[in-house]
Amino acid sequence: MKKTLLLIAALSTPLLTGCIVKVSDGDIDTHWGSSSSWQAYHENNRTKISQLKLGTDYKSVLSDFNTPEFSEVMQKNSNEYRVYFFATSQDGDMSKKACTPVIFKNGILEGWGEIAYQAIL
């Protein structure tokens, strides 16, 4: 009888599935610690982007920012384009679509925002 129960338990284990749901009492449980942390981070990025000056070299610009959320590099018409995406949404969205692209052409700040990004594609 004992062997039969062990065999049934062993064979039925792969059929058992489960789901864990964690319910929060309103506190944000992320690496940000609180909603104001990501809001400050995004606002800080928006402020820095608003102070950018065209023609600045990319090392100078990046020294003022944290690591970009996303980055892309492409070659077009013998020019190298580097695009760095920084989180700037006001709702906490960190997807690439919700980030602001900052575009460098051959290491020099060429522009930022969706219109500048679409112009190089």
Foldseek 3Di string as FASTA:
>chain_A
DVVVVVVVCVVCVVVDDDDDDDDDPPFDDDPQRGPVSVQVLLVLVVVLQVPDDFFAFPVVSCVSHDQALDWDWDADPNKIKIWGWHANANPNDPDSVRTKIFIDINRTGDGIGDVVVVVVD
